[in-house]
Amino acid sequence: MSTPLPPEHGQLLRSEHVTDTTRRAMLANSARTYYPGVLNDCYFDPAAALCLQQSTTTADTKAKPGANHCQPGVCRNSCVTDRHAPAIRTVVDNARDLLTIQRLSSPQRAALHQEIATMTALLKPLTAQDDA
């Protein structure tokens, strides 16, 4: 479980589970902006944003996250909360359903397995909290 962040908190180490208390502390920090999302939220720091490193963005668009290039499992800006769990489980279930298709190419099958592994890793801190 995460502890509340002081207002001067600089960055997350990588994607992490964030409690409501921690999220409130993040929202109070005027140095960074918190963007809510479906699979994760973004506590945006342009210098650490993997989405900006992966995209062809201009200086104007580097002022906010590039949602289409989000890597929620590895980006230090990524914050996963309990409310993200149902959407993450849906992604895992959909990928598993697609794996049942007989004529998948090897690269497609590998991509689906990777997506399942990434999304399952995002769920681990949430399920560990449920087990405690």
N, C-alpha and C. Protein backbone atom coordinates (compact mmCIF):
# COMPACT_ATOMS: atom_id res chain seq x y z
N MET A 1 0.84 -1.17 0.00
CA MET A 1 0.00 0.00 0.00
C MET A 1 0.89 1.23 0.00
N SER A 2 0.54 2.27 -0.76
CA SER A 2 1.33 3.48 -0.84
C SER A 2 1.09 4.37 0.36
N THR A 3 2.11 5.13 0.69
CA THR A 3 1.97 6.11 1.76
C THR A 3 1.71 7.46 1.13
N PRO A 4 1.09 8.39 1.89
CA PRO A 4 0.84 9.70 1.31
C PRO A 4 2.14 10.38 0.89
N LEU A 5 2.08 11.07 -0.23
CA LEU A 5 3.24 11.77 -0.74
C LEU A 5 3.32 13.17 -0.17
N PRO A 6 4.50 13.62 0.17
CA PRO A 6 4.62 15.01 0.58
C PRO A 6 4.40 15.89 -0.65
N PRO A 7 3.98 17.15 -0.48
CA PRO A 7 3.72 18.01 -1.63
C PRO A 7 4.92 18.17 -2.56
N GLU A 8 6.15 18.00 -2.06
CA GLU A 8 7.32 18.16 -2.90
C GLU A 8 7.71 16.87 -3.62
N HIS A 9 6.88 15.83 -3.53
CA HIS A 9 7.19 14.54 -4.15
C HIS A 9 7.56 14.76 -5.62
N GLY A 10 8.67 14.18 -6.02
CA GLY A 10 9.17 14.40 -7.37
C GLY A 10 8.73 13.38 -8.38
N GLN A 11 8.86 12.09 -8.07
CA GLN A 11 8.51 11.09 -9.08
C GLN A 11 8.25 9.73 -8.45
N LEU A 12 7.56 8.91 -9.19
CA LEU A 12 7.36 7.53 -8.80
C LEU A 12 8.54 6.73 -9.34
N LEU A 13 8.84 5.60 -8.74
CA LEU A 13 9.93 4.77 -9.23
C LEU A 13 9.55 4.06 -10.52
N ARG A 14 8.34 3.62 -10.62
CA ARG A 14 7.74 3.04 -11.82
C ARG A 14 6.26 2.99 -11.53
N SER A 15 5.49 2.38 -12.40
CA SER A 15 4.07 2.27 -12.14
C SER A 15 3.83 1.75 -10.73
N GLU A 16 2.95 2.39 -10.00
CA GLU A 16 2.70 1.92 -8.64
C GLU A 16 1.23 2.04 -8.29
N HIS A 17 0.83 1.22 -7.32
CA HIS A 17 -0.53 1.27 -6.80
C HIS A 17 -0.65 2.53 -5.95
N VAL A 18 -1.72 3.27 -6.15
CA VAL A 18 -1.91 4.53 -5.44
C VAL A 18 -3.23 4.48 -4.69
N THR A 19 -3.19 4.80 -3.42
CA THR A 19 -4.41 4.85 -2.60
C THR A 19 -5.09 6.20 -2.78
N ASP A 20 -6.33 6.29 -2.30
CA ASP A 20 -7.05 7.57 -2.37
C ASP A 20 -6.31 8.67 -1.62
N THR A 21 -5.73 8.33 -0.48
CA THR A 21 -4.99 9.31 0.32
C THR A 21 -3.78 9.83 -0.47
N THR A 22 -3.06 8.93 -1.11
CA THR A 22 -1.90 9.33 -1.91
C THR A 22 -2.34 10.19 -3.09
N ARG A 23 -3.42 9.80 -3.73
CA ARG A 23 -3.92 10.56 -4.87
C ARG A 23 -4.29 11.99 -4.46
N ARG A 24 -4.90 12.14 -3.30
CA ARG A 24 -5.24 13.49 -2.82
C ARG A 24 -3.97 14.32 -2.61
N ALA A 25 -2.92 13.72 -2.08
CA ALA A 25 -1.65 14.43 -1.90
C ALA A 25 -1.06 14.82 -3.25
N MET A 26 -1.17 13.92 -4.23
CA MET A 26 -0.66 14.23 -5.57
C MET A 26 -1.43 15.39 -6.20
N LEU A 27 -2.73 15.40 -6.01
CA LEU A 27 -3.56 16.46 -6.58
C LEU A 27 -3.25 17.82 -5.95
N ALA A 28 -2.76 17.82 -4.73
CA ALA A 28 -2.42 19.07 -4.04
C ALA A 28 -1.07 19.62 -4.49
N ASN A 29 -0.28 18.82 -5.18
CA ASN A 29 1.05 19.22 -5.62
C ASN A 29 0.93 20.10 -6.86
N SER A 30 1.30 21.36 -6.75
CA SER A 30 1.16 22.29 -7.88
C SER A 30 2.27 22.13 -8.92
N ALA A 31 3.29 21.34 -8.62
CA ALA A 31 4.41 21.16 -9.55
C ALA A 31 4.10 20.17 -10.67
N ARG A 32 3.12 19.29 -10.46
CA ARG A 32 2.78 18.28 -11.47
C ARG A 32 1.27 18.20 -11.62
N THR A 33 0.85 17.68 -12.78
CA THR A 33 -0.57 17.54 -13.07
C THR A 33 -0.95 16.06 -13.08
N TYR A 34 -2.12 15.77 -12.52
CA TYR A 34 -2.62 14.40 -12.42
C TYR A 34 -3.71 14.22 -13.48
N TYR A 35 -3.52 13.27 -14.39
CA TYR A 35 -4.49 12.99 -15.46
C TYR A 35 -5.16 11.64 -15.20
N PRO A 36 -6.47 11.61 -15.01
CA PRO A 36 -7.16 10.33 -14.82
C PRO A 36 -7.28 9.57 -16.14
N GLY A 37 -7.30 8.25 -16.04
CA GLY A 37 -7.42 7.42 -17.23
C GLY A 37 -8.20 6.15 -16.96
N VAL A 38 -8.36 5.33 -17.97
CA VAL A 38 -9.15 4.11 -17.87
C VAL A 38 -8.33 2.96 -17.26
N LEU A 39 -7.13 2.70 -17.76
CA LEU A 39 -6.30 1.60 -17.26
C LEU A 39 -5.34 2.06 -16.17
N ASN A 40 -5.07 3.33 -16.13
CA ASN A 40 -4.18 3.93 -15.13
C ASN A 40 -4.37 5.45 -15.17
N ASP A 41 -3.83 6.11 -14.18
CA ASP A 41 -3.79 7.56 -14.17
C ASP A 41 -2.36 7.97 -14.44
N CYS A 42 -2.15 9.24 -14.77
CA CYS A 42 -0.82 9.74 -15.06
C CYS A 42 -0.51 10.92 -14.15
N TYR A 43 0.52 10.78 -13.33
CA TYR A 43 1.03 11.87 -12.50
C TYR A 43 2.17 12.47 -13.32
N PHE A 44 1.83 13.37 -14.20
CA PHE A 44 2.65 13.75 -15.35
C PHE A 44 3.90 14.55 -15.01
N ASP A 45 5.03 13.98 -15.39
CA ASP A 45 6.33 14.64 -15.36
C ASP A 45 6.90 14.45 -16.76
N PRO A 46 6.95 15.50 -17.58
CA PRO A 46 7.41 15.35 -18.97
C PRO A 46 8.78 14.70 -19.10
N ALA A 47 9.68 14.96 -18.16
CA ALA A 47 11.03 14.40 -18.24
C ALA A 47 11.04 12.88 -18.08
N ALA A 48 10.06 12.33 -17.38
CA ALA A 48 10.00 10.89 -17.13
C ALA A 48 8.98 10.18 -18.02
N ALA A 49 8.24 10.92 -18.80
CA ALA A 49 7.12 10.36 -19.57
C ALA A 49 7.59 9.52 -20.75
N LEU A 50 7.41 8.21 -20.65
CA LEU A 50 7.77 7.33 -21.75
C LEU A 50 6.92 7.60 -22.99
N CYS A 51 5.70 8.05 -22.79
CA CYS A 51 4.81 8.33 -23.93
C CYS A 51 5.39 9.42 -24.83
N LEU A 52 6.10 10.37 -24.25
CA LEU A 52 6.69 11.44 -25.05
C LEU A 52 7.95 10.99 -25.75
N GLN A 53 8.66 10.04 -25.17
CA GLN A 53 9.87 9.51 -25.80
C GLN A 53 9.52 8.64 -27.00
N GLN A 54 8.36 8.03 -26.97
CA GLN A 54 7.93 7.11 -28.02
C GLN A 54 7.23 7.80 -29.18
N SER A 55 6.78 9.02 -28.98
CA SER A 55 5.96 9.67 -30.00
C SER A 55 6.72 10.80 -30.68
N THR A 56 6.20 11.22 -31.80
CA THR A 56 6.75 12.36 -32.51
C THR A 56 5.91 13.57 -32.12
N THR A 57 6.28 14.20 -31.02
CA THR A 57 5.49 15.30 -30.51
C THR A 57 6.25 16.62 -30.67
N THR A 58 5.49 17.68 -30.71
CA THR A 58 6.08 19.01 -30.77
C THR A 58 6.15 19.56 -29.35
N ALA A 59 6.80 20.67 -29.19
CA ALA A 59 6.93 21.28 -27.86
C ALA A 59 5.56 21.57 -27.26
N ASP A 60 4.60 21.95 -28.09
CA ASP A 60 3.24 22.25 -27.60
C ASP A 60 2.57 21.01 -27.01
N THR A 61 2.76 19.86 -27.63
CA THR A 61 2.08 18.65 -27.17
C THR A 61 2.83 17.96 -26.04
N LYS A 62 4.06 18.39 -25.73
CA LYS A 62 4.80 17.79 -24.62
C LYS A 62 4.33 18.33 -23.27
N ALA A 63 3.33 19.18 -23.28
CA ALA A 63 2.78 19.73 -22.04
C ALA A 63 1.76 18.81 -21.41
N LYS A 64 1.42 17.71 -22.09
CA LYS A 64 0.48 16.74 -21.53
C LYS A 64 0.85 15.34 -22.02
N PRO A 65 0.33 14.32 -21.33
CA PRO A 65 0.69 12.93 -21.71
C PRO A 65 0.18 12.55 -23.10
N GLY A 66 0.91 11.67 -23.74
CA GLY A 66 0.49 11.10 -25.03
C GLY A 66 -0.21 9.78 -24.77
N ALA A 67 -1.51 9.82 -24.55
CA ALA A 67 -2.28 8.65 -24.12
C ALA A 67 -2.13 7.46 -25.06
N ASN A 68 -2.00 7.69 -26.34
CA ASN A 68 -1.88 6.57 -27.29
C ASN A 68 -0.54 5.85 -27.18
N HIS A 69 0.41 6.45 -26.49
CA HIS A 69 1.73 5.85 -26.33
C HIS A 69 2.01 5.46 -24.89
N CYS A 70 0.97 5.40 -24.08
CA CYS A 70 1.13 5.09 -22.65
C CYS A 70 1.64 3.66 -22.45
N GLN A 71 2.57 3.53 -21.51
CA GLN A 71 3.10 2.23 -21.11
C GLN A 71 2.88 2.09 -19.61
N PRO A 72 1.66 1.79 -19.20
CA PRO A 72 1.32 1.84 -17.77
C PRO A 72 2.11 0.90 -16.88
N GLY A 73 2.67 -0.15 -17.42
CA GLY A 73 3.42 -1.09 -16.59
C GLY A 73 4.83 -0.66 -16.26
N VAL A 74 5.38 0.29 -17.01
CA VAL A 74 6.77 0.66 -16.80
C VAL A 74 7.02 2.15 -16.61
N CYS A 75 6.09 2.98 -16.96
CA CYS A 75 6.31 4.43 -16.86
C CYS A 75 6.24 4.90 -15.41
N ARG A 76 7.18 5.74 -15.03
CA ARG A 76 7.20 6.27 -13.66
C ARG A 76 6.03 7.20 -13.39
N ASN A 77 5.37 7.68 -14.41
CA ASN A 77 4.21 8.56 -14.22
C ASN A 77 2.92 7.78 -13.97
N SER A 78 2.93 6.50 -14.22
CA SER A 78 1.72 5.67 -14.15
C SER A 78 1.30 5.39 -12.71
N CYS A 79 0.01 5.60 -12.45
CA CYS A 79 -0.58 5.33 -11.13
C CYS A 79 -1.80 4.44 -11.33
N VAL A 80 -1.81 3.30 -10.65
CA VAL A 80 -2.91 2.35 -10.77
C VAL A 80 -3.67 2.35 -9.44
N THR A 81 -4.98 2.51 -9.53
CA THR A 81 -5.82 2.52 -8.34
C THR A 81 -6.81 1.36 -8.41
N ASP A 82 -7.50 1.13 -7.32
CA ASP A 82 -8.50 0.06 -7.28
C ASP A 82 -9.56 0.22 -8.36
N ARG A 83 -9.88 1.45 -8.70
CA ARG A 83 -10.94 1.66 -9.71
C ARG A 83 -10.50 1.25 -11.12
N HIS A 84 -9.20 1.05 -11.35
CA HIS A 84 -8.71 0.60 -12.65
C HIS A 84 -8.82 -0.91 -12.84
N ALA A 85 -8.94 -1.66 -11.74
CA ALA A 85 -8.92 -3.13 -11.81
C ALA A 85 -9.94 -3.72 -12.78
N PRO A 86 -11.21 -3.29 -12.77
CA PRO A 86 -12.15 -3.90 -13.72
C PRO A 86 -11.75 -3.73 -15.18
N ALA A 87 -11.25 -2.56 -15.55
CA ALA A 87 -10.84 -2.33 -16.95
C ALA A 87 -9.62 -3.17 -17.30
N ILE A 88 -8.68 -3.28 -16.37
CA ILE A 88 -7.48 -4.10 -16.61
C ILE A 88 -7.87 -5.57 -16.77
N ARG A 89 -8.79 -6.04 -15.92
CA ARG A 89 -9.26 -7.44 -16.04
C ARG A 89 -9.94 -7.68 -17.38
N THR A 90 -10.67 -6.68 -17.87
CA THR A 90 -11.32 -6.80 -19.17
C THR A 90 -10.29 -6.95 -20.29
N VAL A 91 -9.21 -6.19 -20.23
CA VAL A 91 -8.14 -6.30 -21.23
C VAL A 91 -7.55 -7.72 -21.20
N VAL A 92 -7.28 -8.23 -20.00
CA VAL A 92 -6.72 -9.59 -19.87
C VAL A 92 -7.70 -10.62 -20.43
N ASP A 93 -8.96 -10.51 -20.07
CA ASP A 93 -9.97 -11.45 -20.56
C ASP A 93 -10.11 -11.40 -22.09
N ASN A 94 -10.11 -10.18 -22.65
CA ASN A 94 -10.21 -10.04 -24.10
C ASN A 94 -9.01 -10.65 -24.81
N ALA A 95 -7.82 -10.44 -24.25
CA ALA A 95 -6.61 -11.01 -24.86
C ALA A 95 -6.66 -12.54 -24.80
N ARG A 96 -7.11 -13.07 -23.68
CA ARG A 96 -7.22 -14.54 -23.56
C ARG A 96 -8.24 -15.09 -24.57
N ASP A 97 -9.34 -14.38 -24.76
CA ASP A 97 -10.32 -14.80 -25.76
C ASP A 97 -9.71 -14.81 -27.15
N LEU A 98 -8.93 -13.78 -27.47
CA LEU A 98 -8.30 -13.72 -28.79
C LEU A 98 -7.30 -14.86 -28.99
N LEU A 99 -6.67 -15.31 -27.91
CA LEU A 99 -5.72 -16.42 -28.03
C LEU A 99 -6.39 -17.73 -28.43
N THR A 100 -7.70 -17.81 -28.30
CA THR A 100 -8.40 -19.03 -28.70
C THR A 100 -8.61 -19.13 -30.21
N ILE A 101 -8.34 -18.05 -30.92
CA ILE A 101 -8.46 -18.07 -32.39
C ILE A 101 -7.36 -18.97 -32.95
N GLN A 102 -7.75 -19.92 -33.79
CA GLN A 102 -6.82 -20.92 -34.31
C GLN A 102 -5.72 -20.35 -35.20
N ARG A 103 -6.06 -19.43 -36.05
CA ARG A 103 -5.11 -18.99 -37.07
C ARG A 103 -4.40 -17.68 -36.71
N LEU A 104 -4.01 -17.51 -35.48
CA LEU A 104 -3.24 -16.33 -35.10
C LEU A 104 -1.80 -16.47 -35.56
N SER A 105 -1.23 -15.38 -36.06
CA SER A 105 0.18 -15.42 -36.43
C SER A 105 1.03 -15.50 -35.16
N SER A 106 2.24 -15.98 -35.28
CA SER A 106 3.14 -16.06 -34.13
C SER A 106 3.40 -14.69 -33.51
N PRO A 107 3.65 -13.63 -34.32
CA PRO A 107 3.84 -12.31 -33.70
C PRO A 107 2.59 -11.82 -32.95
N GLN A 108 1.41 -12.11 -33.49
CA GLN A 108 0.18 -11.69 -32.81
C GLN A 108 0.00 -12.44 -31.50
N ARG A 109 0.27 -13.74 -31.54
CA ARG A 109 0.17 -14.56 -30.32
C ARG A 109 1.14 -14.05 -29.25
N ALA A 110 2.37 -13.72 -29.67
CA ALA A 110 3.37 -13.20 -28.72
C ALA A 110 2.93 -11.85 -28.15
N ALA A 111 2.36 -11.00 -28.99
CA ALA A 111 1.89 -9.69 -28.53
C ALA A 111 0.77 -9.84 -27.50
N LEU A 112 -0.12 -10.77 -27.73
CA LEU A 112 -1.22 -11.01 -26.78
C LEU A 112 -0.69 -11.55 -25.45
N HIS A 113 0.27 -12.47 -25.51
CA HIS A 113 0.86 -12.99 -24.27
C HIS A 113 1.57 -11.87 -23.50
N GLN A 114 2.25 -10.98 -24.23
CA GLN A 114 2.93 -9.86 -23.58
C GLN A 114 1.93 -8.92 -22.93
N GLU A 115 0.83 -8.65 -23.60
CA GLU A 115 -0.20 -7.77 -23.04
C GLU A 115 -0.82 -8.38 -21.78
N ILE A 116 -1.05 -9.68 -21.81
CA ILE A 116 -1.58 -10.36 -20.62
C ILE A 116 -0.59 -10.24 -19.46
N ALA A 117 0.69 -10.45 -19.74
CA ALA A 117 1.71 -10.36 -18.69
C ALA A 117 1.80 -8.94 -18.12
N THR A 118 1.76 -7.94 -18.99
CA THR A 118 1.84 -6.54 -18.55
C THR A 118 0.63 -6.18 -17.69
N MET A 119 -0.55 -6.52 -18.15
CA MET A 119 -1.77 -6.16 -17.42
C MET A 119 -1.90 -6.95 -16.12
N THR A 120 -1.48 -8.20 -16.13
CA THR A 120 -1.51 -9.01 -14.91
C THR A 120 -0.56 -8.42 -13.87
N ALA A 121 0.59 -7.94 -14.30
CA ALA A 121 1.54 -7.30 -13.38
C ALA A 121 0.94 -6.03 -12.77
N LEU A 122 0.13 -5.30 -13.54
CA LEU A 122 -0.53 -4.11 -12.99
C LEU A 122 -1.53 -4.49 -11.91
N LEU A 123 -2.14 -5.66 -12.05
CA LEU A 123 -3.15 -6.11 -11.07
C LEU A 123 -2.53 -6.65 -9.78
N LYS A 124 -1.27 -7.12 -9.85
CA LYS A 124 -0.67 -7.78 -8.67
C LYS A 124 -0.75 -6.96 -7.39
N PRO A 125 -0.35 -5.68 -7.39
CA PRO A 125 -0.45 -4.93 -6.12
C PRO A 125 -1.90 -4.80 -5.63
N LEU A 126 -2.84 -4.77 -6.55
CA LEU A 126 -4.25 -4.65 -6.16
C LEU A 126 -4.75 -5.94 -5.56
N THR A 127 -4.39 -7.08 -6.15
CA THR A 127 -4.84 -8.37 -5.63
C THR A 127 -4.10 -8.73 -4.34
N ALA A 128 -2.83 -8.29 -4.23
CA ALA A 128 -2.07 -8.53 -2.99
C ALA A 128 -2.73 -7.81 -1.82
N GLN A 129 -3.24 -6.61 -2.09
CA GLN A 129 -3.93 -5.85 -1.05
C GLN A 129 -5.22 -6.56 -0.63
N ASP A 130 -5.93 -7.17 -1.61
CA ASP A 130 -7.16 -7.90 -1.30
C ASP A 130 -6.88 -9.13 -0.46
N ASP A 131 -5.71 -9.77 -0.71
CA ASP A 131 -5.35 -10.98 0.02
C ASP A 131 -4.89 -10.71 1.44
N ALA A 132 -4.44 -9.48 1.69
CA ALA A 132 -3.90 -9.13 3.02
C ALA A 132 -4.98 -9.00 4.07
